[in-house]
């Protein structure tokens, strides 16, 4: 097995590229004897001459040429990795991995757009997904920050509430229950109820606070589909008020007055407790809390 160190790789690459031990030593900021010693040790480890040295002329041998290509590839990957790490740690740039619940997508997109204007060098990857996947990403350390409602209490998380998130009941504009000044939970329970899939934050909150048990044969995994189903007259829907502002303003759907509604909860910015946030992630966390008025 051939062993070599990074110092030997850098020394050999510099000597071949510059055709000089002296010039290589200046570039590497070490002494000429140190460069020569690195090349000697590398030659010994590989078991073959790597350089032809005639007077002041230095050229790589056949094996030296092949090893030089290896050096270039390894050094290029190392330098790219160094560059990526430095960029990530740059408070003015860096890359942000963020995963958000579908309910928060429109708001987070607006905040990210504003944040990008202040930090144009930063890059980000935004994933919009359900609660189950968000928890998996937190548990597997696959994202910097998560934006969600009601973080679980059985995970070691750092959570920061930053915005109220009212859950409301919605109905078709001609639904008969809209005529009532107030509808009881018992009255609602008699209707066809449309909500998110089992395990979603919205569903968990509504069941816990109202005691209603949803009809399990009608589950929809997106807020947009719930709104469309209500528009079609399929039944009563339950969504975040922030996701239906335009529909309510245009009268496409109506907010249904019911006991215990709206249910006020919060959106949270969350990350795993053991993880130290990168500078750009820390800045975005502070930014989203500060800009929670961008509804």
C-alpha atoms as a PDB file:
ATOM      1  CA  UNK A   1       0.000   0.000   0.000  1.00  0.00           C
ATOM      2  CA  UNK A   2       1.396   3.393  -1.020  1.00  0.00           C
ATOM      3  CA  UNK A   3       1.235   6.058   1.662  1.00  0.00           C
ATOM      4  CA  UNK A   4       1.783   9.772   1.201  1.00  0.00           C
ATOM      5  CA  UNK A   5       0.951  12.955   3.049  1.00  0.00           C
ATOM      6  CA  UNK A   6      -0.691  16.171   1.909  1.00  0.00           C
ATOM      7  CA  UNK A   7       2.607  18.004   2.436  1.00  0.00           C
ATOM      8  CA  UNK A   8       4.275  15.598   0.019  1.00  0.00           C
ATOM      9  CA  UNK A   9       1.504  16.081  -2.556  1.00  0.00           C
ATOM     10  CA  UNK A  10       1.702  19.861  -2.377  1.00  0.00           C
ATOM     11  CA  UNK A  11       5.506  19.783  -2.521  1.00  0.00           C
ATOM     12  CA  UNK A  12       5.631  17.465  -5.541  1.00  0.00           C
ATOM     13  CA  UNK A  13       2.952  19.428  -7.413  1.00  0.00           C
ATOM     14  CA  UNK A  14       4.786  22.708  -6.837  1.00  0.00           C
ATOM     15  CA  UNK A  15       8.185  21.331  -7.913  1.00  0.00           C
ATOM     16  CA  UNK A  16       6.801  19.848 -11.139  1.00  0.00           C
ATOM     17  CA  UNK A  17       4.719  22.910 -11.953  1.00  0.00           C
ATOM     18  CA  UNK A  18       7.512  25.423 -11.236  1.00  0.00           C
ATOM     19  CA  UNK A  19      10.399  23.134 -12.327  1.00  0.00           C
ATOM     20  CA  UNK A  20      12.396  24.282  -9.330  1.00  0.00           C
ATOM     21  CA  UNK A  21      12.872  23.355  -5.654  1.00  0.00           C
ATOM     22  CA  UNK A  22      13.709  26.972  -4.835  1.00  0.00           C
ATOM     23  CA  UNK A  23      10.584  28.415  -6.426  1.00  0.00           C
ATOM     24  CA  UNK A  24       8.461  25.673  -4.857  1.00  0.00           C
ATOM     25  CA  UNK A  25       9.824  26.467  -1.419  1.00  0.00           C
ATOM     26  CA  UNK A  26       8.890  30.142  -1.810  1.00  0.00           C
ATOM     27  CA  UNK A  27       5.363  29.321  -2.941  1.00  0.00           C
ATOM     28  CA  UNK A  28       4.890  26.814  -0.124  1.00  0.00           C
ATOM     29  CA  UNK A  29       6.560  29.128   2.397  1.00  0.00           C
ATOM     30  CA  UNK A  30       8.942  26.443   3.651  1.00  0.00           C
ATOM     31  CA  UNK A  31      12.713  25.933   3.223  1.00  0.00           C
ATOM     32  CA  UNK A  32      14.227  24.357   0.132  1.00  0.00           C
ATOM     33  CA  UNK A  33      15.723  21.435   2.129  1.00  0.00           C
ATOM     34  CA  UNK A  34      12.226  20.776   3.551  1.00  0.00           C
ATOM     35  CA  UNK A  35      10.775  20.545   0.032  1.00  0.00           C
ATOM     36  CA  UNK A  36      13.602  18.244  -1.058  1.00  0.00           C
ATOM     37  CA  UNK A  37      13.037  16.023   2.001  1.00  0.00           C
ATOM     38  CA  UNK A  38       9.293  15.765   1.214  1.00  0.00           C
ATOM     39  CA  UNK A  39      10.077  14.645  -2.360  1.00  0.00           C
ATOM     40  CA  UNK A  40      12.638  12.098  -1.139  1.00  0.00           C
ATOM     41  CA  UNK A  41      10.181  10.621   1.348  1.00  0.00           C
ATOM     42  CA  UNK A  42       7.452  10.512  -1.300  1.00  0.00           C
ATOM     43  CA  UNK A  43       9.789   8.737  -3.736  1.00  0.00           C
ATOM     44  CA  UNK A  44      10.646   6.193  -1.045  1.00  0.00           C
ATOM     45  CA  UNK A  45       6.981   5.596  -0.187  1.00  0.00           C
ATOM     46  CA  UNK A  46       5.999   5.074  -3.828  1.00  0.00           C
ATOM     47  CA  UNK A  47       9.069   2.968  -4.589  1.00  0.00           C
ATOM     48  CA  UNK A  48      10.001   4.649  -7.860  1.00  0.00           C
ATOM     49  CA  UNK A  49      11.790   7.761  -9.076  1.00  0.00           C
ATOM     50  CA  UNK A  50       9.347  10.599  -9.732  1.00  0.00           C
ATOM     51  CA  UNK A  51      11.720  13.271 -11.022  1.00  0.00           C
ATOM     52  CA  UNK A  52      14.546  13.456 -13.546  1.00  0.00           C
ATOM     53  CA  UNK A  53      17.078  15.992 -12.264  1.00  0.00           C
ATOM     54  CA  UNK A  54      19.830  17.095 -14.647  1.00  0.00           C
ATOM     55  CA  UNK A  55      21.616  20.171 -13.395  1.00  0.00           C
ATOM     56  CA  UNK A  56      18.945  22.828 -12.972  1.00  0.00           C
ATOM     57  CA  UNK A  57      16.483  21.002 -15.205  1.00  0.00           C
ATOM     58  CA  UNK A  58      13.704  19.120 -13.416  1.00  0.00           C
ATOM     59  CA  UNK A  59      11.142  16.996 -15.264  1.00  0.00           C
ATOM     60  CA  UNK A  60       8.777  14.262 -14.062  1.00  0.00           C
ATOM     61  CA  UNK A  61       9.419  10.621 -14.917  1.00  0.00           C
ATOM     62  CA  UNK A  62       6.731   8.481 -16.543  1.00  0.00           C
ATOM     63  CA  UNK A  63       5.373   7.502 -13.127  1.00  0.00           C
ATOM     64  CA  UNK A  64       5.940  11.081 -11.967  1.00  0.00           C
ATOM     65  CA  UNK A  65       3.679  12.386 -14.744  1.00  0.00           C
ATOM     66  CA  UNK A  66       0.905   9.999 -13.729  1.00  0.00           C
ATOM     67  CA  UNK A  67       1.296  10.901 -10.066  1.00  0.00           C
ATOM     68  CA  UNK A  68       1.292  14.602 -10.946  1.00  0.00           C
ATOM     69  CA  UNK A  69      -2.213  14.199 -12.415  1.00  0.00           C
ATOM     70  CA  UNK A  70      -3.282  12.553  -9.173  1.00  0.00           C
ATOM     71  CA  UNK A  71      -1.841  15.486  -7.244  1.00  0.00           C
ATOM     72  CA  UNK A  72      -3.777  17.965  -9.376  1.00  0.00           C
ATOM     73  CA  UNK A  73      -7.053  16.109  -8.837  1.00  0.00           C
ATOM     74  CA  UNK A  74      -6.588  15.722  -5.074  1.00  0.00           C
ATOM     75  CA  UNK A  75      -5.462  19.323  -4.558  1.00  0.00           C
ATOM     76  CA  UNK A  76      -8.331  20.637  -6.687  1.00  0.00           C
ATOM     77  CA  UNK A  77     -10.844  18.747  -4.531  1.00  0.00           C
ATOM     78  CA  UNK A  78      -9.183  19.943  -1.337  1.00  0.00           C
ATOM     79  CA  UNK A  79      -9.175  23.555  -2.499  1.00  0.00           C
ATOM     80  CA  UNK A  80     -12.802  23.326  -3.593  1.00  0.00           C
ATOM     81  CA  UNK A  81     -13.725  21.870  -0.218  1.00  0.00           C
ATOM     82  CA  UNK A  82     -11.814  24.650   1.545  1.00  0.00           C
ATOM     83  CA  UNK A  83     -13.556  27.238  -0.598  1.00  0.00           C
ATOM     84  CA  UNK A  84     -16.971  25.718   0.104  1.00  0.00           C
ATOM     85  CA  UNK A  85     -16.330  25.673   3.851  1.00  0.00           C
ATOM     86  CA  UNK A  86     -15.069  29.254   3.881  1.00  0.00           C
ATOM     87  CA  UNK A  87     -18.100  30.380   1.911  1.00  0.00           C
ATOM     88  CA  UNK A  88     -20.431  28.547   4.271  1.00  0.00           C
ATOM     89  CA  UNK A  89     -18.791  30.204   7.258  1.00  0.00           C
ATOM     90  CA  UNK A  90     -18.818  33.623   5.602  1.00  0.00           C
ATOM     91  CA  UNK A  91     -21.499  35.666   7.442  1.00  0.00           C
ATOM     92  CA  UNK A  92     -22.128  37.631   4.240  1.00  0.00           C
ATOM     93  CA  UNK A  93     -22.466  34.559   2.034  1.00  0.00           C
ATOM     94  CA  UNK A  94     -22.706  30.880   2.825  1.00  0.00           C
ATOM     95  CA  UNK A  95     -25.316  28.294   1.913  1.00  0.00           C
ATOM     96  CA  UNK A  96     -28.563  27.787   3.816  1.00  0.00           C
ATOM     97  CA  UNK A  97     -30.488  24.503   3.916  1.00  0.00           C
ATOM     98  CA  UNK A  98     -34.029  25.218   5.065  1.00  0.00           C
ATOM     99  CA  UNK A  99     -37.082  22.966   5.256  1.00  0.00           C
ATOM    100  CA  UNK A 100     -40.544  24.372   5.904  1.00  0.00           C
ATOM    101  CA  UNK A 101     -44.059  23.140   6.499  1.00  0.00           C
ATOM    102  CA  UNK A 102     -46.400  23.680   3.561  1.00  0.00           C
ATOM    103  CA  UNK A 103     -48.437  26.144   5.635  1.00  0.00           C
ATOM    104  CA  UNK A 104     -45.464  28.484   5.962  1.00  0.00           C
ATOM    105  CA  UNK A 105     -44.260  28.367   2.359  1.00  0.00           C
ATOM    106  CA  UNK A 106     -45.696  31.668   1.111  1.00  0.00           C
ATOM    107  CA  UNK A 107     -44.468  33.609   4.118  1.00  0.00           C
ATOM    108  CA  UNK A 108     -40.989  32.047   4.149  1.00  0.00           C
ATOM    109  CA  UNK A 109     -40.587  32.683   0.415  1.00  0.00           C
ATOM    110  CA  UNK A 110     -41.216  36.398   0.949  1.00  0.00           C
ATOM    111  CA  UNK A 111     -38.742  36.546   3.838  1.00  0.00           C
ATOM    112  CA  UNK A 112     -36.101  34.654   1.828  1.00  0.00           C
ATOM    113  CA  UNK A 113     -36.537  37.081  -1.070  1.00  0.00           C
ATOM    114  CA  UNK A 114     -35.941  40.036   1.253  1.00  0.00           C
ATOM    115  CA  UNK A 115     -33.013  38.273   2.951  1.00  0.00           C
ATOM    116  CA  UNK A 116     -31.423  37.504  -0.432  1.00  0.00           C
ATOM    117  CA  UNK A 117     -31.487  41.219  -1.304  1.00  0.00           C
ATOM    118  CA  UNK A 118     -29.520  42.035   1.849  1.00  0.00           C
ATOM    119  CA  UNK A 119     -27.082  39.122   1.353  1.00  0.00           C
ATOM    120  CA  UNK A 120     -26.855  38.637  -2.431  1.00  0.00           C
ATOM    121  CA  UNK A 121     -23.856  36.288  -2.190  1.00  0.00           C
ATOM    122  CA  UNK A 122     -25.712  33.714  -0.109  1.00  0.00           C
ATOM    123  CA  UNK A 123     -27.360  30.650  -1.648  1.00  0.00           C
ATOM    124  CA  UNK A 124     -30.142  28.505  -0.285  1.00  0.00           C
ATOM    125  CA  UNK A 125     -32.112  25.328  -0.842  1.00  0.00           C
ATOM    126  CA  UNK A 126     -35.764  25.489   0.230  1.00  0.00           C
ATOM    127  CA  UNK A 127     -37.724  22.273   0.710  1.00  0.00           C
ATOM    128  CA  UNK A 128     -41.471  22.418   1.332  1.00  0.00           C
ATOM    129  CA  UNK A 129     -42.760  19.239   2.910  1.00  0.00           C
ATOM    130  CA  UNK A 130     -44.997  17.672   5.543  1.00  0.00           C
ATOM    131  CA  UNK A 131     -44.477  17.425   9.292  1.00  0.00           C
ATOM    132  CA  UNK A 132     -43.274  13.820   9.221  1.00  0.00           C
ATOM    133  CA  UNK A 133     -40.456  14.646   6.806  1.00  0.00           C
ATOM    134  CA  UNK A 134     -39.531  17.789   8.747  1.00  0.00           C
ATOM    135  CA  UNK A 135     -39.040  15.735  11.904  1.00  0.00           C
ATOM    136  CA  UNK A 136     -36.968  13.167  10.005  1.00  0.00           C
ATOM    137  CA  UNK A 137     -34.726  15.919   8.647  1.00  0.00           C
ATOM    138  CA  UNK A 138     -34.239  17.355  12.124  1.00  0.00           C
ATOM    139  CA  UNK A 139     -33.463  13.936  13.564  1.00  0.00           C
ATOM    140  CA  UNK A 140     -31.000  13.099  10.751  1.00  0.00           C
ATOM    141  CA  UNK A 141     -29.348  16.536  10.749  1.00  0.00           C
ATOM    142  CA  UNK A 142     -30.230  17.083   7.078  1.00  0.00           C
ATOM    143  CA  UNK A 143     -31.120  20.775   7.284  1.00  0.00           C
ATOM    144  CA  UNK A 144     -29.920  23.944   9.011  1.00  0.00           C
ATOM    145  CA  UNK A 145     -33.324  25.302  10.001  1.00  0.00           C
ATOM    146  CA  UNK A 146     -36.923  24.111   9.988  1.00  0.00           C
ATOM    147  CA  UNK A 147     -39.994  26.340  10.005  1.00  0.00           C
ATOM    148  CA  UNK A 148     -43.008  24.554  11.462  1.00  0.00           C
ATOM    149  CA  UNK A 149     -45.877  24.672  13.906  1.00  0.00           C
ATOM    150  CA  UNK A 150     -45.858  22.961  17.316  1.00  0.00           C
ATOM    151  CA  UNK A 151     -42.385  21.403  17.583  1.00  0.00           C
ATOM    152  CA  UNK A 152     -42.350  18.030  19.363  1.00  0.00           C
ATOM    153  CA  UNK A 153     -41.403  18.053  23.033  1.00  0.00           C
ATOM    154  CA  UNK A 154     -39.609  14.707  22.917  1.00  0.00           C
ATOM    155  CA  UNK A 155     -36.696  15.869  20.737  1.00  0.00           C
ATOM    156  CA  UNK A 156     -33.658  17.958  21.808  1.00  0.00           C
ATOM    157  CA  UNK A 157     -34.548  21.073  19.813  1.00  0.00           C
ATOM    158  CA  UNK A 158     -33.970  24.806  20.039  1.00  0.00           C
ATOM    159  CA  UNK A 159     -37.293  26.455  19.201  1.00  0.00           C
ATOM    160  CA  UNK A 160     -38.174  30.112  18.682  1.00  0.00           C
ATOM    161  CA  UNK A 161     -41.805  31.213  18.169  1.00  0.00           C
ATOM    162  CA  UNK A 162     -41.979  34.179  15.825  1.00  0.00           C
ATOM    163  CA  UNK A 163     -45.486  34.559  14.412  1.00  0.00           C
ATOM    164  CA  UNK A 164     -49.103  33.796  15.272  1.00  0.00           C
ATOM    165  CA  UNK A 165     -50.723  31.198  13.054  1.00  0.00           C
ATOM    166  CA  UNK A 166     -54.536  31.199  13.404  1.00  0.00           C
ATOM    167  CA  UNK A 167     -56.308  28.039  12.262  1.00  0.00           C
ATOM    168  CA  UNK A 168     -59.786  28.698  10.907  1.00  0.00           C
ATOM    169  CA  UNK A 169     -62.744  26.760   9.564  1.00  0.00           C
ATOM    170  CA  UNK A 170     -63.695  27.528   5.950  1.00  0.00           C
ATOM    171  CA  UNK A 171     -66.773  26.712   3.873  1.00  0.00           C
ATOM    172  CA  UNK A 172     -68.299  27.201   0.440  1.00  0.00           C
ATOM    173  CA  UNK A 173     -69.940  30.679   0.181  1.00  0.00           C
ATOM    174  CA  UNK A 174     -73.385  29.061   0.035  1.00  0.00           C
ATOM    175  CA  UNK A 175     -72.917  26.593   2.893  1.00  0.00           C
ATOM    176  CA  UNK A 176     -75.973  26.683   5.220  1.00  0.00           C
ATOM    177  CA  UNK A 177     -73.891  26.837   8.409  1.00  0.00           C
ATOM    178  CA  UNK A 178     -72.688  30.321   7.423  1.00  0.00           C
ATOM    179  CA  UNK A 179     -76.123  31.637   8.406  1.00  0.00           C
ATOM    180  CA  UNK A 180     -75.502  30.739  12.049  1.00  0.00           C
ATOM    181  CA  UNK A 181     -73.892  33.317  14.328  1.00  0.00           C
ATOM    182  CA  UNK A 182     -71.908  30.533  15.914  1.00  0.00           C
ATOM    183  CA  UNK A 183     -71.600  26.809  15.319  1.00  0.00           C
ATOM    184  CA  UNK A 184     -70.835  24.309  18.041  1.00  0.00           C
ATOM    185  CA  UNK A 185     -68.169  21.625  17.748  1.00  0.00           C
ATOM    186  CA  UNK A 186     -70.997  19.081  17.898  1.00  0.00           C
ATOM    187  CA  UNK A 187     -72.619  20.726  14.854  1.00  0.00           C
ATOM    188  CA  UNK A 188     -69.336  20.729  12.949  1.00  0.00           C
ATOM    189  CA  UNK A 189     -68.758  17.073  13.738  1.00  0.00           C
ATOM    190  CA  UNK A 190     -71.907  16.181  11.783  1.00  0.00           C
ATOM    191  CA  UNK A 191     -70.479  17.721   8.604  1.00  0.00           C
ATOM    192  CA  UNK A 192     -68.005  16.316   6.110  1.00  0.00           C
ATOM    193  CA  UNK A 193     -64.718  17.510   7.532  1.00  0.00           C
ATOM    194  CA  UNK A 194     -61.653  18.043   5.355  1.00  0.00           C
ATOM    195  CA  UNK A 195     -58.189  18.377   6.843  1.00  0.00           C
ATOM    196  CA  UNK A 196     -54.585  17.321   6.424  1.00  0.00           C
ATOM    197  CA  UNK A 197     -53.280  13.775   6.684  1.00  0.00           C
ATOM    198  CA  UNK A 198     -52.765  12.036  10.020  1.00  0.00           C
ATOM    199  CA  UNK A 199     -49.634  13.295  11.734  1.00  0.00           C
ATOM    200  CA  UNK A 200     -49.852  16.847  10.357  1.00  0.00           C
ATOM    201  CA  UNK A 201     -49.436  19.701  12.808  1.00  0.00           C
ATOM    202  CA  UNK A 202     -52.769  21.255  11.810  1.00  0.00           C
ATOM    203  CA  UNK A 203     -54.693  18.052  12.404  1.00  0.00           C
ATOM    204  CA  UNK A 204     -52.959  17.278  15.708  1.00  0.00           C
ATOM    205  CA  UNK A 205     -53.737  20.768  17.042  1.00  0.00           C
ATOM    206  CA  UNK A 206     -57.408  20.738  16.002  1.00  0.00           C
ATOM    207  CA  UNK A 207     -58.034  17.268  17.439  1.00  0.00           C
ATOM    208  CA  UNK A 208     -56.323  18.168  20.706  1.00  0.00           C
ATOM    209  CA  UNK A 209     -58.150  21.464  21.242  1.00  0.00           C
ATOM    210  CA  UNK A 210     -61.626  20.632  19.896  1.00  0.00           C
ATOM    211  CA  UNK A 211     -61.828  16.917  20.624  1.00  0.00           C
ATOM    212  CA  UNK A 212     -63.120  16.306  17.089  1.00  0.00           C
ATOM    213  CA  UNK A 213     -62.203  13.078  15.360  1.00  0.00           C
ATOM    214  CA  UNK A 214     -61.859  13.548  11.622  1.00  0.00           C
ATOM    215  CA  UNK A 215     -63.387  11.211   9.109  1.00  0.00           C
ATOM    216  CA  UNK A 216     -60.311   9.237   8.109  1.00  0.00           C
ATOM    217  CA  UNK A 217     -61.550   8.525   4.573  1.00  0.00           C
ATOM    218  CA  UNK A 218     -61.073  12.184   3.586  1.00  0.00           C
ATOM    219  CA  UNK A 219     -57.442  13.208   4.054  1.00  0.00           C
ATOM    220  CA  UNK A 220     -55.609  15.674   1.833  1.00  0.00           C
ATOM    221  CA  UNK A 221     -51.871  16.307   1.947  1.00  0.00           C
ATOM    222  CA  UNK A 222     -51.817  19.932   0.754  1.00  0.00           C
ATOM    223  CA  UNK A 223     -53.526  23.142   1.814  1.00  0.00           C
ATOM    224  CA  UNK A 224     -54.193  24.083  -1.813  1.00  0.00           C
ATOM    225  CA  UNK A 225     -56.150  20.871  -2.347  1.00  0.00           C
ATOM    226  CA  UNK A 226     -58.162  21.454   0.839  1.00  0.00           C
ATOM    227  CA  UNK A 227     -59.109  24.940  -0.369  1.00  0.00           C
ATOM    228  CA  UNK A 228     -60.107  23.604  -3.790  1.00  0.00           C
ATOM    229  CA  UNK A 229     -62.212  20.876  -2.156  1.00  0.00           C
ATOM    230  CA  UNK A 230     -64.045  23.462  -0.059  1.00  0.00           C
ATOM    231  CA  UNK A 231     -64.593  25.610  -3.148  1.00  0.00           C
ATOM    232  CA  UNK A 232     -66.125  22.590  -4.836  1.00  0.00           C
ATOM    233  CA  UNK A 233     -68.553  22.147  -1.926  1.00  0.00           C
ATOM    234  CA  UNK A 234     -67.093  18.894  -0.646  1.00  0.00           C
ATOM    235  CA  UNK A 235     -67.231  19.919   3.014  1.00  0.00           C
ATOM    236  CA  UNK A 236     -65.813  22.058   5.832  1.00  0.00           C
ATOM    237  CA  UNK A 237     -62.062  22.678   5.703  1.00  0.00           C
ATOM    238  CA  UNK A 238     -59.514  23.676   8.335  1.00  0.00           C
ATOM    239  CA  UNK A 239     -56.450  25.688   7.312  1.00  0.00           C
ATOM    240  CA  UNK A 240     -54.110  28.430   8.438  1.00  0.00           C
ATOM    241  CA  UNK A 241     -55.640  31.854   7.911  1.00  0.00           C
ATOM    242  CA  UNK A 242     -52.436  32.952   6.179  1.00  0.00           C
ATOM    243  CA  UNK A 243     -52.961  30.440   3.362  1.00  0.00           C
ATOM    244  CA  UNK A 244     -56.449  31.685   2.369  1.00  0.00           C
ATOM    245  CA  UNK A 245     -56.241  35.480   2.595  1.00  0.00           C
ATOM    246  CA  UNK A 246     -56.813  36.064  -1.130  1.00  0.00           C
ATOM    247  CA  UNK A 247     -59.651  33.540  -1.331  1.00  0.00           C
ATOM    248  CA  UNK A 248     -61.386  35.142   1.657  1.00  0.00           C
ATOM    249  CA  UNK A 249     -60.932  38.649   0.243  1.00  0.00           C
ATOM    250  CA  UNK A 250     -62.398  37.576  -3.114  1.00  0.00           C
ATOM    251  CA  UNK A 251     -65.302  35.701  -1.546  1.00  0.00           C
ATOM    252  CA  UNK A 252     -64.325  32.395  -3.139  1.00  0.00           C
ATOM    253  CA  UNK A 253     -64.667  30.789   0.299  1.00  0.00           C
ATOM    254  CA  UNK A 254     -65.988  32.042   3.624  1.00  0.00           C
ATOM    255  CA  UNK A 255     -64.684  31.781   7.151  1.00  0.00           C
ATOM    256  CA  UNK A 256     -67.058  29.739   9.279  1.00  0.00           C
ATOM    257  CA  UNK A 257     -67.738  30.941  12.816  1.00  0.00           C
ATOM    258  CA  UNK A 258     -67.414  28.074  15.237  1.00  0.00           C
ATOM    259  CA  UNK A 259     -66.663  27.420  18.885  1.00  0.00           C
ATOM    260  CA  UNK A 260     -62.938  27.337  19.747  1.00  0.00           C
ATOM    261  CA  UNK A 261     -62.067  28.822  16.349  1.00  0.00           C
ATOM    262  CA  UNK A 262     -59.870  30.465  15.342  1.00  0.00           C
ATOM    263  CA  UNK A 263     -57.317  28.328  17.133  1.00  0.00           C
ATOM    264  CA  UNK A 264     -54.257  30.488  17.685  1.00  0.00           C
ATOM    265  CA  UNK A 265     -50.908  28.751  17.575  1.00  0.00           C
ATOM    266  CA  UNK A 266     -47.466  29.928  16.445  1.00  0.00           C
ATOM    267  CA  UNK A 267     -44.945  29.271  13.786  1.00  0.00           C
ATOM    268  CA  UNK A 268     -41.498  28.296  15.061  1.00  0.00           C
ATOM    269  CA  UNK A 269     -37.988  28.403  13.681  1.00  0.00           C
ATOM    270  CA  UNK A 270     -36.318  25.204  14.862  1.00  0.00           C
ATOM    271  CA  UNK A 271     -32.954  23.480  14.805  1.00  0.00           C
ATOM    272  CA  UNK A 272     -31.326  20.533  16.523  1.00  0.00           C
ATOM    273  CA  UNK A 273     -29.970  21.534  19.941  1.00  0.00           C
ATOM    274  CA  UNK A 274     -26.531  19.958  19.442  1.00  0.00           C
ATOM    275  CA  UNK A 275     -25.912  21.716  16.133  1.00  0.00           C
ATOM    276  CA  UNK A 276     -24.053  25.003  15.985  1.00  0.00           C
ATOM    277  CA  UNK A 277     -25.626  27.198  13.341  1.00  0.00           C
ATOM    278  CA  UNK A 278     -23.436  28.566  10.568  1.00  0.00           C
ATOM    279  CA  UNK A 279     -23.175  32.378  10.466  1.00  0.00           C
ATOM    280  CA  UNK A 280     -25.640  32.645   7.579  1.00  0.00           C
ATOM    281  CA  UNK A 281     -28.139  30.314   9.284  1.00  0.00           C
ATOM    282  CA  UNK A 282     -27.889  32.330  12.508  1.00  0.00           C
ATOM    283  CA  UNK A 283     -28.469  35.542  10.568  1.00  0.00           C
ATOM    284  CA  UNK A 284     -31.495  34.128   8.812  1.00  0.00           C
ATOM    285  CA  UNK A 285     -32.951  32.906  12.108  1.00  0.00           C
ATOM    286  CA  UNK A 286     -32.648  36.406  13.551  1.00  0.00           C
ATOM    287  CA  UNK A 287     -33.953  37.906  10.303  1.00  0.00           C
ATOM    288  CA  UNK A 288     -37.120  35.811  10.156  1.00  0.00           C
ATOM    289  CA  UNK A 289     -37.990  36.631  13.763  1.00  0.00           C
ATOM    290  CA  UNK A 290     -37.427  40.327  13.094  1.00  0.00           C
ATOM    291  CA  UNK A 291     -39.507  40.249   9.899  1.00  0.00           C
ATOM    292  CA  UNK A 292     -42.469  38.270  11.192  1.00  0.00           C
ATOM    293  CA  UNK A 293     -44.743  41.090  10.047  1.00  0.00           C
ATOM    294  CA  UNK A 294     -44.279  40.043   6.384  1.00  0.00           C
ATOM    295  CA  UNK A 295     -47.603  38.237   6.170  1.00  0.00           C
END
